[in-house]
Amino acid sequence: MNLRRILFLAGLGLFFCWSVPTKAAVVDHLVINELATAGDSSYDDWVELYNPTGSEIELLGWSVQKVTAGGGVTRTDLSGTIPAYGYFLVVRNDDNTMQSLKDVADLKAENFALADGNALYLVYSNSDIDPDIPGVEVIDAVGWGAVIYGEGTAITSNISAGKSLSRIIDGDDTDDNSIDFTILDTPTMQNSGLDDGMDGDVSGDVLITIYPDNEPVQNITADSASIVFQVNTDGIASVDYGLSDVYGNSSLSQPVLANTDVTVVLENLECNTTYHYMINVEGDAGIDPGFSDDITFTTLPCGGITVDNIVMTQSSARANDIFADGWEWQFDITVWNPLETELKMKFNIWNGSDSISSGGNVRYSIDNGLSWVEILSDDTYPDAGANISSLDENETLAGQQISILVQMKVPVGTLAGAYSTSYGIVTEEPGL
């Protein structure tokens, strides 16, 4: 634009004239492109900026400033980026502004409002301008109705509700509003997400995507495991598995439904062995098959029980036939077969300075002493054990974590000295 102000001082016969340079060099093509003062309601004010250059422009430090017929200025500071050959939409942010209009705004402004007989200035500054003496920071301006401000000659008519004031050609600027702008019956506002008006089609393919469960391998035993996942298509799934990522074994194929849990059970595995597996899914014809990443798991140990730790919590005993004064141990074990829920222990004869029978003198508890199982005979499991079906000391670990409290009372008259014996632990399925 080329703003020019001419001042006559009648009576003094003096004539002054000054002009403003066309634009700041770094931003000399950014323009006000289209605006409206009302839409479905009088609160639907907006302005569209256009960048006809080949580079995006950062709007931090810019503003749009409304000037009333009386010269009053209201400034709206801008932020964001306007793309090359792109648009930027500023919308009034009022409770009564149409939500659909606010939804497409690049910037919603609380203090932005336009009316009849206004002018709007695009300014490379966050300071209020003097519309009577605009400086080089003024980049563009447009006036409408009964207003002396703007660029060249203002559009004489006001903008009716539902219509807009728009450049005849996007980005064209002759520095005269009456030449550059026209009233549109149907506004054509665009935001930074829209292009220069070219329509077209774009396309893309969504690949078959496999989503392993948060716990991708479940129900691991010594010889089996369940692979759990979802996939984004109907189709056929199978699991390749083996001792390396070469695999070598495959599960039977089974039908799957899109976005529904799928469970594939791998059986006849080796105990205490690390396996690799990969999920395969085939969908409709014409869609490439989907494959998961390589995932590993380890089957449970071959034995039914692992003794993790034994701590002697009371290492000396009195020969007074009282459990509280006898020996005490804590056994920490892992039970690997979830079907074996009955735990039994046995102890042999104690040998040392004397011989002590375990029968009648040893007991164990899986609930920290709330209930006890008595050892009735040496080297013999009791007929009924302790029920561990609901116990697990640490559910984050594989297997079932069980703590066993063992106590032995020493009979009256037992000779002093050191003693030792052997023990056994077994878990069984109830009723076997």
Protein backbone atom coordinates (compact mmCIF):
# COMPACT_ATOMS: atom_id res chain seq x y z
CA MET A 1 0.00 0.00 0.00
CA ASN A 2 0.98 3.70 -0.31
CA LEU A 3 -0.74 5.73 2.36
CA ARG A 4 -0.72 9.48 1.64
CA ARG A 5 -2.04 12.25 3.81
CA ILE A 6 -2.57 15.82 2.52
CA LEU A 7 -3.18 18.71 4.91
CA PHE A 8 -4.43 22.17 3.94
CA LEU A 9 -4.18 24.96 6.48
CA ALA A 10 -6.86 27.26 5.12
CA GLY A 11 -6.35 30.92 6.00
CA LEU A 12 -2.58 30.55 6.21
CA GLY A 13 -2.30 29.48 2.62
CA LEU A 14 0.06 26.71 3.64
CA PHE A 15 0.15 23.29 2.01
CA PHE A 16 1.91 20.26 3.52
CA CYS A 17 2.16 16.75 2.03
CA TRP A 18 3.82 13.58 3.25
CA SER A 19 3.78 9.96 2.16
CA VAL A 20 4.49 6.66 3.93
CA PRO A 21 6.86 4.11 2.35
CA THR A 22 4.96 1.31 0.66
CA LYS A 23 5.67 -1.52 3.18
CA ALA A 24 8.27 -2.72 5.64
CA ALA A 25 10.72 -4.65 3.48
CA VAL A 26 10.51 -7.93 5.39
CA VAL A 27 6.74 -8.17 5.17
CA ASP A 28 5.78 -6.08 2.18
CA HIS A 29 3.18 -8.42 0.67
CA LEU A 30 1.03 -9.54 3.64
CA VAL A 31 -2.51 -8.14 3.17
CA ILE A 32 -5.99 -7.90 4.63
CA ASN A 33 -7.93 -10.10 2.24
CA GLU A 34 -11.53 -10.36 3.45
CA LEU A 35 -13.59 -9.38 6.50
CA ALA A 36 -17.11 -9.35 7.89
CA THR A 37 -18.81 -7.27 10.57
CA ALA A 38 -21.73 -9.66 11.23
CA GLY A 39 -23.04 -13.05 10.21
CA ASP A 40 -25.91 -14.97 11.73
CA SER A 41 -25.46 -12.61 14.66
CA SER A 42 -23.85 -9.23 15.18
CA TYR A 43 -21.05 -11.01 17.08
CA ASP A 44 -19.77 -12.94 14.05
CA ASP A 45 -16.88 -10.56 13.21
CA TRP A 46 -13.81 -11.89 11.43
CA VAL A 47 -10.89 -10.93 9.21
CA GLU A 48 -8.92 -13.10 6.80
CA LEU A 49 -5.25 -12.29 6.15
CA TYR A 50 -3.46 -13.55 3.04
CA ASN A 51 0.23 -14.25 2.40
CA PRO A 52 0.95 -14.18 -1.36
CA THR A 53 4.68 -14.81 -0.83
CA GLY A 54 6.60 -18.06 -1.08
CA SER A 55 7.63 -18.05 2.60
CA GLU A 56 5.61 -18.54 5.76
CA ILE A 57 5.42 -15.52 8.05
CA GLU A 58 5.51 -15.59 11.84
CA LEU A 59 2.79 -13.27 13.19
CA LEU A 60 4.22 -12.70 16.66
CA GLY A 61 4.76 -8.94 16.91
CA TRP A 62 1.97 -8.14 14.44
CA SER A 63 -1.49 -6.72 15.14
CA VAL A 64 -4.73 -5.76 13.48
CA GLN A 65 -6.08 -2.42 14.69
CA LYS A 66 -9.65 -1.18 14.28
CA VAL A 67 -10.08 2.55 13.75
CA THR A 68 -13.49 4.18 14.26
CA ALA A 69 -14.81 7.13 12.27
CA GLY A 70 -13.69 9.33 15.15
CA GLY A 71 -10.14 7.97 15.11
CA GLY A 72 -10.41 5.65 18.14
CA VAL A 73 -8.07 2.64 18.00
CA THR A 74 -8.62 -0.93 19.32
CA ARG A 75 -5.64 -3.23 18.87
CA THR A 76 -5.68 -7.05 18.58
CA ASP A 77 -2.23 -8.63 18.84
CA LEU A 78 -1.59 -11.62 16.58
CA SER A 79 0.24 -14.88 17.12
CA GLY A 80 0.79 -17.97 15.04
CA THR A 81 2.09 -18.54 11.52
CA ILE A 82 0.55 -17.80 8.15
CA PRO A 83 1.80 -20.26 5.52
CA ALA A 84 3.23 -19.36 2.14
CA TYR A 85 0.38 -18.61 -0.26
CA GLY A 86 -1.91 -19.23 2.69
CA TYR A 87 -4.51 -17.62 4.89
CA PHE A 88 -4.99 -16.76 8.56
CA LEU A 89 -8.43 -16.27 10.12
CA VAL A 90 -9.01 -14.02 13.15
CA VAL A 91 -12.46 -14.42 14.74
CA ARG A 92 -14.22 -12.50 17.50
CA ASN A 93 -14.29 -14.58 20.68
CA ASP A 94 -17.60 -13.83 22.35
CA ASP A 95 -20.13 -16.12 24.02
CA ASN A 96 -22.59 -15.12 21.29
CA THR A 97 -20.22 -15.76 18.37
CA MET A 98 -21.27 -18.80 16.33
CA GLN A 99 -19.35 -21.85 17.55
CA SER A 100 -18.91 -23.12 14.01
CA LEU A 101 -17.09 -19.87 13.21
CA LYS A 102 -14.86 -20.10 16.25
CA ASP A 103 -14.06 -23.73 15.41
CA VAL A 104 -12.31 -22.72 12.15
CA ALA A 105 -10.45 -19.73 13.60
CA ASP A 106 -6.66 -19.60 13.63
CA LEU A 107 -6.93 -17.00 16.38
CA LYS A 108 -9.91 -16.16 18.62
CA ALA A 109 -9.68 -12.58 19.93
CA GLU A 110 -11.62 -11.27 22.92
CA ASN A 111 -11.32 -7.59 21.93
CA PHE A 112 -11.91 -7.98 18.18
CA ALA A 113 -15.12 -6.33 16.96
CA LEU A 114 -15.99 -4.52 13.74
CA ALA A 115 -18.87 -2.19 12.92
CA ASP A 116 -20.21 0.18 10.26
CA GLY A 117 -17.93 3.11 9.44
CA ASN A 118 -14.71 1.42 10.61
CA ALA A 119 -11.30 0.87 9.10
CA LEU A 120 -8.96 -2.03 9.82
CA TYR A 121 -5.19 -1.72 9.76
CA LEU A 122 -2.63 -4.53 9.50
CA VAL A 123 0.36 -3.39 11.55
CA TYR A 124 3.85 -4.76 12.05
CA SER A 125 3.85 -3.66 15.68
CA ASN A 126 2.14 -4.31 18.99
CA SER A 127 1.75 -0.60 19.68
CA ASP A 128 -1.32 1.48 18.87
CA ILE A 129 -1.02 3.52 15.69
CA ASP A 130 -2.00 7.13 15.08
CA PRO A 131 -4.34 6.74 12.09
CA ASP A 132 -3.86 10.41 11.15
CA ILE A 133 -0.10 9.97 10.87
CA PRO A 134 0.49 6.27 10.02
CA GLY A 135 4.09 5.11 10.04
CA VAL A 136 6.07 2.51 8.15
CA GLU A 137 4.76 -0.15 10.56
CA VAL A 138 1.36 0.06 8.82
CA ILE A 139 1.38 -2.69 6.19
CA ASP A 140 -2.19 -2.59 4.88
CA ALA A 141 -5.54 -0.94 5.60
CA VAL A 142 -9.14 -1.03 4.45
CA GLY A 143 -12.06 1.29 5.29
CA TRP A 144 -15.79 1.05 4.67
CA GLY A 145 -18.82 3.22 5.20
CA ALA A 146 -18.57 6.75 6.59
CA VAL A 147 -14.90 6.74 7.49
CA ILE A 148 -11.95 8.82 6.28
CA TYR A 149 -9.40 6.15 7.15
CA GLY A 150 -8.14 3.21 5.15
CA GLU A 151 -6.17 3.10 1.94
CA GLY A 152 -7.01 5.42 -0.95
CA THR A 153 -10.77 5.74 -1.21
CA ALA A 154 -12.88 3.74 1.25
CA ILE A 155 -15.71 1.45 0.19
CA THR A 156 -18.63 3.82 0.70
CA SER A 157 -21.22 1.23 1.67
CA ASN A 158 -21.32 -0.66 4.93
CA ILE A 159 -21.19 -4.46 5.07
CA SER A 160 -24.58 -6.09 5.59
CA ALA A 161 -24.99 -9.06 7.95
CA GLY A 162 -24.06 -12.31 6.25
CA LYS A 163 -21.94 -10.56 3.59
CA SER A 164 -18.23 -9.78 3.46
CA LEU A 165 -15.81 -7.19 2.12
CA SER A 166 -13.27 -9.03 -0.02
CA ARG A 167 -10.38 -8.33 -2.33
CA ILE A 168 -11.45 -8.86 -5.91
CA ILE A 169 -8.26 -10.89 -6.49
CA ASP A 170 -6.54 -12.46 -3.50
CA GLY A 171 -3.36 -10.55 -2.70
CA ASP A 172 -3.75 -7.86 -5.39
CA ASP A 173 -3.15 -4.37 -3.93
CA THR A 174 -3.39 -1.10 -5.90
CA ASP A 175 -3.35 0.93 -2.68
CA ASP A 176 -6.98 1.97 -3.26
CA ASN A 177 -9.74 0.18 -1.34
CA SER A 178 -12.43 1.20 -3.82
CA ILE A 179 -10.51 -0.56 -6.60
CA ASP A 180 -9.22 -3.57 -4.67
CA PHE A 181 -12.34 -4.56 -2.69
CA THR A 182 -15.95 -5.51 -3.35
CA ILE A 183 -18.93 -6.69 -1.31
CA LEU A 184 -19.60 -10.46 -1.56
CA ASP A 185 -23.06 -11.88 -0.95
CA THR A 186 -21.46 -15.19 0.09
CA PRO A 187 -18.27 -14.93 2.17
CA THR A 188 -15.29 -17.08 1.17
CA MET A 189 -13.20 -16.99 4.35
CA GLN A 190 -10.33 -19.43 4.69
CA ASN A 191 -7.99 -20.34 7.52
CA SER A 192 -4.39 -21.54 7.55
CA GLY A 193 -5.52 -25.13 6.99
CA LEU A 194 -6.90 -24.35 3.53
CA ASP A 195 -5.04 -23.93 0.26
CA ASP A 196 -5.53 -21.33 -2.45
CA GLY A 197 -8.84 -22.84 -3.54
CA MET A 198 -7.64 -25.80 -5.59
CA ASP A 199 -9.71 -28.93 -4.98
CA GLY A 200 -8.46 -32.48 -5.35
CA ASP A 201 -8.36 -35.94 -3.87
CA VAL A 202 -5.78 -37.58 -1.68
CA SER A 203 -5.64 -41.20 -0.65
CA GLY A 204 -3.72 -43.61 1.52
CA ASP A 205 -3.80 -47.18 2.79
CA VAL A 206 -4.23 -48.28 6.39
CA LEU A 207 -2.04 -51.32 6.99
CA ILE A 208 -3.08 -54.36 8.97
CA THR A 209 -1.95 -53.45 12.47
CA ILE A 210 -1.55 -55.96 15.30
CA TYR A 211 -1.94 -54.77 18.90
CA PRO A 212 -0.45 -57.15 21.50
CA ASP A 213 -2.35 -57.10 24.78
CA ASN A 214 -0.89 -55.14 27.70
CA GLU A 215 0.00 -58.61 28.99
CA PRO A 216 0.80 -60.22 25.62
CA VAL A 217 1.60 -63.70 26.99
CA GLN A 218 -0.78 -65.08 29.60
CA ASN A 219 -1.41 -68.34 31.48
CA ILE A 220 2.21 -69.44 31.14
CA THR A 221 2.83 -72.94 32.45
CA ALA A 222 5.74 -75.35 32.10
CA ASP A 223 4.44 -76.55 28.71
CA SER A 224 1.96 -73.97 27.36
CA ALA A 225 1.23 -70.26 26.96
CA SER A 226 -1.58 -68.07 25.60
CA ILE A 227 -0.80 -65.29 23.09
CA VAL A 228 -3.38 -62.45 23.38
CA PHE A 229 -3.79 -59.61 20.87
CA GLN A 230 -6.17 -57.57 18.71
CA VAL A 231 -5.98 -56.65 15.03
CA ASN A 232 -7.73 -53.95 12.98
CA THR A 233 -9.32 -56.28 10.40
CA ASP A 234 -11.35 -59.42 10.05
CA GLY A 235 -9.17 -62.24 8.79
CA ILE A 236 -7.15 -65.32 9.64
CA ALA A 237 -4.42 -65.34 12.31
CA SER A 238 -1.66 -67.72 13.31
CA VAL A 239 1.45 -67.56 15.48
CA ASP A 240 4.94 -68.63 14.39
CA TYR A 241 7.12 -69.69 17.33
CA GLY A 242 10.40 -71.37 18.14
CA LEU A 243 13.70 -71.08 19.99
CA SER A 244 14.90 -68.16 17.82
CA ASP A 245 13.43 -65.57 15.46
CA VAL A 246 13.68 -68.18 12.70
CA TYR A 247 10.74 -69.85 14.52
CA GLY A 248 10.06 -73.20 12.80
CA ASN A 249 6.65 -73.93 14.36
CA SER A 250 3.21 -72.48 13.65
CA SER A 251 -0.09 -72.63 15.47
CA LEU A 252 -3.25 -73.63 13.66
CA SER A 253 -4.83 -70.73 11.75
CA GLN A 254 -8.00 -69.34 13.30
CA PRO A 255 -10.54 -66.67 12.26
CA VAL A 256 -10.34 -63.25 13.93
CA LEU A 257 -12.68 -60.25 14.11
CA ALA A 258 -11.50 -56.63 13.89
CA ASN A 259 -10.65 -54.97 17.21
CA THR A 260 -11.69 -58.00 19.26
CA ASP A 261 -9.50 -59.94 21.68
CA VAL A 262 -7.84 -62.98 20.09
CA THR A 263 -6.21 -65.80 22.08
CA VAL A 264 -3.89 -68.34 20.46
CA VAL A 265 -2.76 -71.16 22.77
CA LEU A 266 0.70 -72.66 22.21
CA GLU A 267 1.00 -76.18 23.62
CA ASN A 268 3.58 -78.98 24.01
CA LEU A 269 6.33 -76.50 24.88
CA GLU A 270 9.53 -77.35 26.75
CA CYS A 271 9.68 -76.31 30.38
CA ASN A 272 12.06 -73.55 31.55
CA THR A 273 12.70 -72.51 27.92
CA THR A 274 12.69 -69.10 26.21
CA TYR A 275 10.55 -68.95 23.08
CA HIS A 276 10.31 -66.36 20.28
CA TYR A 277 7.01 -65.75 18.51
CA MET A 278 5.49 -63.55 15.77
CA ILE A 279 1.79 -63.04 15.01
CA ASN A 280 0.63 -63.27 11.37
CA VAL A 281 -2.71 -61.95 10.11
CA GLU A 282 -4.17 -62.16 6.60
CA GLY A 283 -7.11 -59.91 5.74
CA ASP A 284 -9.17 -59.40 2.62
CA ALA A 285 -7.69 -59.90 -0.82
CA GLY A 286 -5.61 -56.94 -1.94
CA ILE A 287 -4.47 -56.03 1.58
CA ASP A 288 -0.93 -56.92 2.52
CA PRO A 289 -0.62 -59.38 5.43
CA GLY A 290 0.30 -58.00 8.86
CA PHE A 291 3.08 -59.17 11.12
CA SER A 292 3.90 -58.34 14.72
CA ASP A 293 7.36 -57.68 16.10
CA ASP A 294 9.36 -60.59 17.50
CA ILE A 295 8.35 -61.16 21.14
CA THR A 296 9.79 -63.58 23.70
CA PHE A 297 8.56 -65.42 26.80
CA THR A 298 9.90 -68.16 29.06
CA THR A 299 7.96 -71.21 30.18
CA LEU A 300 7.87 -72.11 33.87
CA PRO A 301 10.50 -74.33 35.49
CA CYS A 302 10.19 -78.05 35.04
CA GLY A 303 9.63 -78.76 38.75
CA GLY A 304 6.39 -77.95 40.51
CA ILE A 305 8.13 -75.96 43.27
CA THR A 306 11.19 -73.73 43.62
CA VAL A 307 12.56 -73.04 47.09
CA ASP A 308 13.69 -69.42 46.87
CA ASN A 309 14.85 -68.78 50.44
CA ILE A 310 15.00 -70.34 53.92
CA VAL A 311 15.54 -68.14 56.95
CA MET A 312 15.87 -69.57 60.48
CA THR A 313 13.98 -67.01 62.54
CA GLN A 314 14.63 -68.78 65.89
CA SER A 315 17.88 -70.74 65.92
CA SER A 316 18.05 -71.97 69.53
CA ALA A 317 15.47 -73.96 71.48
CA ARG A 318 14.70 -74.99 75.03
CA ALA A 319 13.89 -78.64 75.74
CA ASN A 320 10.53 -77.87 77.35
CA ASP A 321 8.01 -79.21 74.80
CA ILE A 322 6.75 -75.66 74.00
CA PHE A 323 6.54 -74.46 70.35
CA ALA A 324 7.13 -70.84 71.34
CA ASP A 325 10.52 -71.85 72.83
CA GLY A 326 11.51 -74.13 69.95
CA TRP A 327 13.09 -73.68 66.49
CA GLU A 328 11.38 -71.61 63.77
CA TRP A 329 12.00 -71.14 60.04
CA GLN A 330 10.44 -69.20 57.15
CA PHE A 331 10.42 -70.95 53.76
CA ASP A 332 9.81 -68.75 50.70
CA ILE A 333 8.81 -70.85 47.70
CA THR A 334 7.37 -70.46 44.20
CA VAL A 335 4.63 -72.82 43.06
CA TRP A 336 4.55 -73.13 39.28
CA ASN A 337 1.44 -75.19 38.61
CA PRO A 338 -1.70 -73.13 39.42
CA LEU A 339 -3.77 -76.33 39.54
CA GLU A 340 -1.75 -77.68 42.45
CA THR A 341 -3.34 -75.89 45.38
CA GLU A 342 -2.67 -78.31 48.26
CA LEU A 343 0.74 -77.88 49.93
CA LYS A 344 2.26 -80.62 52.09
CA MET A 345 5.55 -80.85 54.02
CA LYS A 346 7.42 -83.71 55.69
CA PHE A 347 10.41 -83.90 58.03
CA ASN A 348 12.63 -86.86 58.96
CA ILE A 349 14.08 -87.82 62.35
CA TRP A 350 16.38 -85.15 63.82
CA ASN A 351 19.89 -86.48 64.53
CA GLY A 352 22.57 -84.98 66.75
CA SER A 353 23.47 -85.44 70.41
CA ASP A 354 20.18 -87.33 70.66
CA SER A 355 17.40 -88.37 68.26
CA ILE A 356 14.20 -86.36 68.02
CA SER A 357 11.09 -87.53 66.18
CA SER A 358 9.42 -84.95 63.91
CA GLY A 359 6.06 -86.67 64.44
CA GLY A 360 4.09 -84.68 66.97
CA ASN A 361 6.82 -82.05 67.29
CA VAL A 362 6.74 -80.16 63.94
CA ARG A 363 4.00 -78.03 62.44
CA TYR A 364 3.74 -75.60 59.51
CA SER A 365 1.47 -72.69 58.51
CA ILE A 366 0.84 -70.85 55.24
CA ASP A 367 -1.10 -67.99 56.91
CA ASN A 368 1.54 -66.79 59.42
CA GLY A 369 0.31 -68.95 62.29
CA LEU A 370 -3.46 -68.46 62.02
CA SER A 371 -3.83 -72.17 61.30
CA TRP A 372 -1.39 -75.11 61.43
CA VAL A 373 -0.82 -78.47 59.76
CA GLU A 374 0.68 -81.00 62.17
CA ILE A 375 3.44 -83.44 61.15
CA LEU A 376 2.22 -86.75 62.59
CA SER A 377 4.95 -89.16 61.43
CA ASP A 378 8.61 -89.02 60.41
CA ASP A 379 9.35 -88.75 56.68
CA THR A 380 5.64 -88.85 55.83
CA TYR A 381 3.43 -86.24 54.21
CA PRO A 382 0.16 -85.55 56.06
CA ASP A 383 -3.05 -86.80 54.48
CA ALA A 384 -4.42 -83.26 54.27
CA GLY A 385 -2.22 -80.29 53.41
CA ALA A 386 -2.69 -76.49 53.45
CA ASN A 387 -4.91 -74.83 50.83
CA ILE A 388 -2.86 -72.21 48.93
CA SER A 389 -5.37 -71.49 46.14
CA SER A 390 -5.97 -67.89 47.20
CA LEU A 391 -2.41 -67.02 48.25
CA ASP A 392 0.26 -65.11 46.35
CA GLU A 393 2.74 -62.92 48.22
CA ASN A 394 3.84 -61.06 45.05
CA GLU A 395 1.54 -61.14 42.04
CA THR A 396 4.04 -59.20 39.91
CA LEU A 397 6.34 -62.25 39.78
CA ALA A 398 5.82 -65.38 37.74
CA GLY A 399 4.36 -68.33 39.57
CA GLN A 400 2.68 -68.28 42.96
CA GLN A 401 4.76 -66.82 45.79
CA ILE A 402 4.13 -68.62 49.11
CA SER A 403 5.66 -68.11 52.58
CA ILE A 404 5.62 -71.07 54.99
CA LEU A 405 6.20 -70.74 58.73
CA VAL A 406 7.65 -73.92 60.29
CA GLN A 407 7.95 -74.53 64.06
CA MET A 408 9.43 -77.40 66.09
CA LYS A 409 9.20 -77.95 69.82
CA VAL A 410 11.91 -79.90 71.57
CA PRO A 411 10.72 -82.59 74.02
CA VAL A 412 11.62 -82.38 77.71
CA GLY A 413 14.89 -84.20 78.49
CA THR A 414 16.40 -83.88 74.98
CA LEU A 415 20.20 -83.70 75.22
CA ALA A 416 21.77 -80.32 74.43
CA GLY A 417 23.71 -79.99 71.18
CA ALA A 418 23.37 -79.45 67.42
CA TYR A 419 20.72 -81.26 65.37
CA SER A 420 19.74 -81.60 61.72
CA THR A 421 17.26 -83.39 59.49
CA SER A 422 15.91 -83.52 55.91
CA TYR A 423 12.59 -82.14 54.67
CA GLY A 424 10.29 -82.39 51.67
CA ILE A 425 7.70 -80.05 50.10
CA VAL A 426 5.09 -81.04 47.54
CA THR A 427 2.04 -79.46 45.93
CA GLU A 428 -0.85 -81.53 44.62
CA GLU A 429 -4.14 -81.07 42.89
CA PRO A 430 -6.89 -81.51 45.50
CA GLY A 431 -8.36 -84.98 45.60
CA LEU A 432 -5.44 -86.69 43.83
